[in-house]
Amino acid sequence: MHIIFILIAISVVVAAGFLAAFLWAVRSGQYDDDYTPAVRMLFENEYKPAGKSEKLEQKTS
């Protein structure tokens, strides 16, 4: 019977730790911008290898 009380106490401590971490993240601004990460990949520039872009610049100069 004592083990049940120990397990309940441990689970309450763990839950309080997760709640504290969540509140810290909210207060520090981790969840302020929830739109940009979802569409960031749509607006990234295309990958240009350094060697090819330098060769094109040298030919046009």
Protein backbone atom coordinates (compact mmCIF):
# COMPACT_ATOMS: atom_id res chain seq x y z
CA MET A 1 0.00 0.00 0.00
CA HIS A 2 2.91 2.33 0.69
CA ILE A 3 4.22 1.91 -2.83
CA ILE A 4 1.05 3.47 -4.23
CA PHE A 5 1.64 6.63 -2.21
CA ILE A 6 5.26 6.74 -3.33
CA LEU A 7 4.27 6.35 -6.98
CA ILE A 8 1.60 9.04 -6.67
CA ALA A 9 4.12 11.40 -5.09
CA ILE A 10 6.67 10.75 -7.84
CA SER A 11 4.06 11.27 -10.56
CA VAL A 12 2.95 14.57 -8.99
CA VAL A 13 6.59 15.76 -8.89
CA VAL A 14 7.13 14.78 -12.53
CA ALA A 15 3.86 16.46 -13.59
CA ALA A 16 4.84 19.63 -11.71
CA GLY A 17 8.19 19.60 -13.51
CA PHE A 18 6.53 19.35 -16.90
CA LEU A 19 4.10 22.13 -15.96
CA ALA A 20 6.98 24.35 -14.86
CA ALA A 21 8.86 23.68 -18.10
CA PHE A 22 5.76 24.47 -20.15
CA LEU A 23 5.10 27.72 -18.28
CA TRP A 24 8.75 28.72 -18.67
CA ALA A 25 8.54 28.09 -22.44
CA VAL A 26 5.35 30.11 -22.78
CA ARG A 27 6.73 33.04 -20.79
CA SER A 28 10.01 33.07 -22.71
CA GLY A 29 8.19 33.35 -26.04
CA GLN A 30 8.69 29.87 -27.48
CA TYR A 31 5.12 29.74 -28.77
CA ASP A 32 4.74 33.33 -30.00
CA ASP A 33 5.08 32.63 -33.72
CA ASP A 34 3.23 29.47 -34.68
CA TYR A 35 2.59 30.38 -38.34
CA THR A 36 6.06 31.07 -39.78
CA PRO A 37 7.64 27.64 -39.11
CA ALA A 38 4.80 25.96 -40.99
CA VAL A 39 5.34 28.00 -44.17
CA ARG A 40 9.09 28.69 -43.92
CA MET A 41 9.97 25.85 -46.28
CA LEU A 42 7.72 27.31 -48.96
CA PHE A 43 9.67 30.57 -49.15
CA GLU A 44 13.28 29.42 -48.90
CA ASN A 45 15.65 30.24 -51.73
CA GLU A 46 16.79 27.48 -54.00
CA TYR A 47 20.05 25.77 -53.18
CA LYS A 48 22.91 27.04 -55.34
CA PRO A 49 26.22 25.22 -55.09
CA ALA A 50 29.11 27.67 -54.59
CA GLY A 51 31.14 26.33 -57.51
CA LYS A 52 28.48 26.83 -60.19
CA SER A 53 27.49 30.36 -59.15
CA GLU A 54 31.12 31.47 -59.11
CA LYS A 55 31.68 30.04 -62.59
CA LEU A 56 28.61 31.86 -63.94
CA GLU A 57 29.78 35.14 -62.45
CA GLN A 58 33.23 34.73 -64.01
CA LYS A 59 31.77 34.02 -67.47
CA THR A 60 29.49 37.05 -67.43
CA SER A 61 32.23 39.44 -66.19
